Amino acid sequence: GVRAVRLAPVGEDAFLRQTVDGLRPESTYLVSGWVLVDGPATVAARLRLAWQDAEGAPLDDTRIAEFEAPTGGWSRVGVEVTAPPGAAAARLVFTVSSPATQVFVDDLVFVPAP
């Protein structure tokens, strides 16, 4: 895309959060997008899904991607995940925990798997 989201911690962790509602339990979904991690030799950045029931109570977490070093350019992330029983929503959470690190996220999607 033409623009990307930039995450850079300033004193504390930086977060990007988005909740996706209307999910079907035990259905398969695709999480994909592009990530560029720029920083020191050791970084701490991760993308996970926090599954929730219809009332918003937590059910389970699924790790999508974890970065411990700079990517050296744009890196594609693409994972198929299956919603746990009782899931009605999922919160995508991208966390950057290391100082002096910048993470760029572009074209991140959460869609039913083909």
Protein backbone atom coordinates (compact mmCIF):
# COMPACT_ATOMS: atom_id res chain seq x y z
CA GLY A 1 0.00 0.00 0.00
CA VAL A 2 0.86 3.66 -0.09
CA ARG A 3 0.80 4.04 3.71
CA ALA A 4 1.62 1.79 6.65
CA VAL A 5 1.10 1.90 10.42
CA ARG A 6 4.25 2.67 12.41
CA LEU A 7 4.66 1.29 15.94
CA ALA A 8 7.52 2.64 18.07
CA PRO A 9 7.64 2.31 21.86
CA VAL A 10 8.34 5.48 23.83
CA GLY A 11 9.03 4.52 27.42
CA GLU A 12 6.46 1.69 27.33
CA ASP A 13 5.29 -0.96 24.88
CA ALA A 14 3.58 0.14 21.66
CA PHE A 15 0.34 -1.62 20.70
CA LEU A 16 -1.91 -1.94 17.70
CA ARG A 17 -5.27 -3.53 18.54
CA GLN A 18 -8.29 -4.30 16.37
CA THR A 19 -11.30 -6.42 17.31
CA VAL A 20 -13.08 -8.45 14.63
CA ASP A 21 -16.67 -9.41 15.51
CA GLY A 22 -19.15 -11.81 13.95
CA LEU A 23 -16.88 -14.86 13.83
CA ARG A 24 -18.11 -18.44 13.60
CA PRO A 25 -16.75 -20.93 16.13
CA GLU A 26 -14.51 -23.64 14.68
CA SER A 27 -14.28 -21.83 11.32
CA THR A 28 -10.93 -21.22 9.63
CA TYR A 29 -9.62 -17.72 8.99
CA LEU A 30 -6.57 -16.23 7.28
CA VAL A 31 -4.44 -13.58 8.96
CA SER A 32 -1.99 -11.98 6.55
CA GLY A 33 -0.11 -8.79 5.90
CA TRP A 34 3.31 -7.25 5.55
CA VAL A 35 5.69 -6.34 8.37
CA LEU A 36 8.97 -4.44 8.42
CA VAL A 37 10.96 -4.54 11.68
CA ASP A 38 13.76 -1.98 12.01
CA GLY A 39 15.89 -1.70 15.11
CA PRO A 40 18.87 -3.06 16.99
CA ALA A 41 20.15 -6.59 16.54
CA THR A 42 17.67 -7.90 19.14
CA VAL A 43 14.04 -6.81 19.01
CA ALA A 44 10.80 -7.94 20.62
CA ALA A 45 7.68 -7.69 18.46
CA ARG A 46 4.76 -10.08 18.17
CA LEU A 47 1.35 -10.45 16.59
CA ARG A 48 -1.27 -12.57 18.32
CA LEU A 49 -5.01 -13.23 18.31
CA ALA A 50 -6.98 -13.08 21.55
CA TRP A 51 -10.19 -15.08 21.01
CA GLN A 52 -13.34 -13.95 22.85
CA ASP A 53 -16.85 -15.31 23.38
CA ALA A 54 -20.04 -13.32 22.64
CA GLU A 55 -19.78 -11.51 26.00
CA GLY A 56 -16.14 -10.53 25.40
CA ALA A 57 -14.69 -13.04 27.86
CA PRO A 58 -11.27 -14.42 26.85
CA LEU A 59 -11.15 -17.95 25.43
CA ASP A 60 -7.68 -18.57 24.04
CA ASP A 61 -4.63 -16.90 22.44
CA THR A 62 -3.03 -17.82 19.13
CA ARG A 63 0.47 -16.64 18.22
CA ILE A 64 0.59 -15.41 14.62
CA ALA A 65 4.15 -14.11 14.31
CA GLU A 66 7.10 -13.22 16.51
CA PHE A 67 10.13 -11.15 15.53
CA GLU A 68 13.40 -11.25 17.46
CA ALA A 69 15.58 -9.52 14.86
CA PRO A 70 15.13 -6.88 12.16
CA THR A 71 13.50 -8.24 9.01
CA GLY A 72 15.87 -6.49 6.60
CA GLY A 73 12.90 -5.41 4.47
CA TRP A 74 9.21 -6.15 4.15
CA SER A 75 8.30 -9.66 5.30
CA ARG A 76 4.97 -11.35 4.54
CA VAL A 77 3.03 -12.87 7.41
CA GLY A 78 0.33 -15.39 6.52
CA VAL A 79 -1.27 -17.95 8.82
CA GLU A 80 -4.51 -19.90 8.79
CA VAL A 81 -6.15 -20.16 12.22
CA THR A 82 -9.24 -21.98 13.47
CA ALA A 83 -11.57 -20.24 15.90
CA PRO A 84 -12.01 -22.19 19.14
CA PRO A 85 -15.44 -23.46 20.22
CA GLY A 86 -17.58 -20.57 21.48
CA ALA A 87 -15.55 -17.87 19.70
CA ALA A 88 -17.54 -14.87 18.51
CA ALA A 89 -14.72 -12.32 18.17
CA ALA A 90 -10.96 -12.05 17.96
CA ARG A 91 -8.70 -9.18 18.91
CA LEU A 92 -5.59 -8.79 16.78
CA VAL A 93 -2.81 -7.44 19.00
CA PHE A 94 0.56 -6.31 17.65
CA THR A 95 3.01 -5.50 20.47
CA VAL A 96 6.45 -3.91 20.20
CA SER A 97 8.40 -4.14 23.47
CA SER A 98 11.97 -3.22 22.63
CA PRO A 99 13.26 0.35 22.76
CA ALA A 100 14.76 1.90 19.61
CA THR A 101 12.63 -0.43 17.48
CA GLN A 102 10.20 0.62 14.79
CA VAL A 103 7.71 -1.78 13.28
CA PHE A 104 5.71 -0.97 10.17
CA VAL A 105 2.54 -2.95 9.38
CA ASP A 106 0.77 -2.82 6.01
CA ASP A 107 -2.25 -4.53 4.45
CA LEU A 108 -3.05 -6.58 7.58
CA VAL A 109 -6.22 -8.61 6.98
CA PHE A 110 -8.33 -11.13 8.89
CA VAL A 111 -10.71 -12.94 6.53
CA PRO A 112 -12.43 -16.32 6.15
CA ALA A 113 -9.97 -18.81 4.67
CA PRO A 114 -10.57 -19.70 1.03
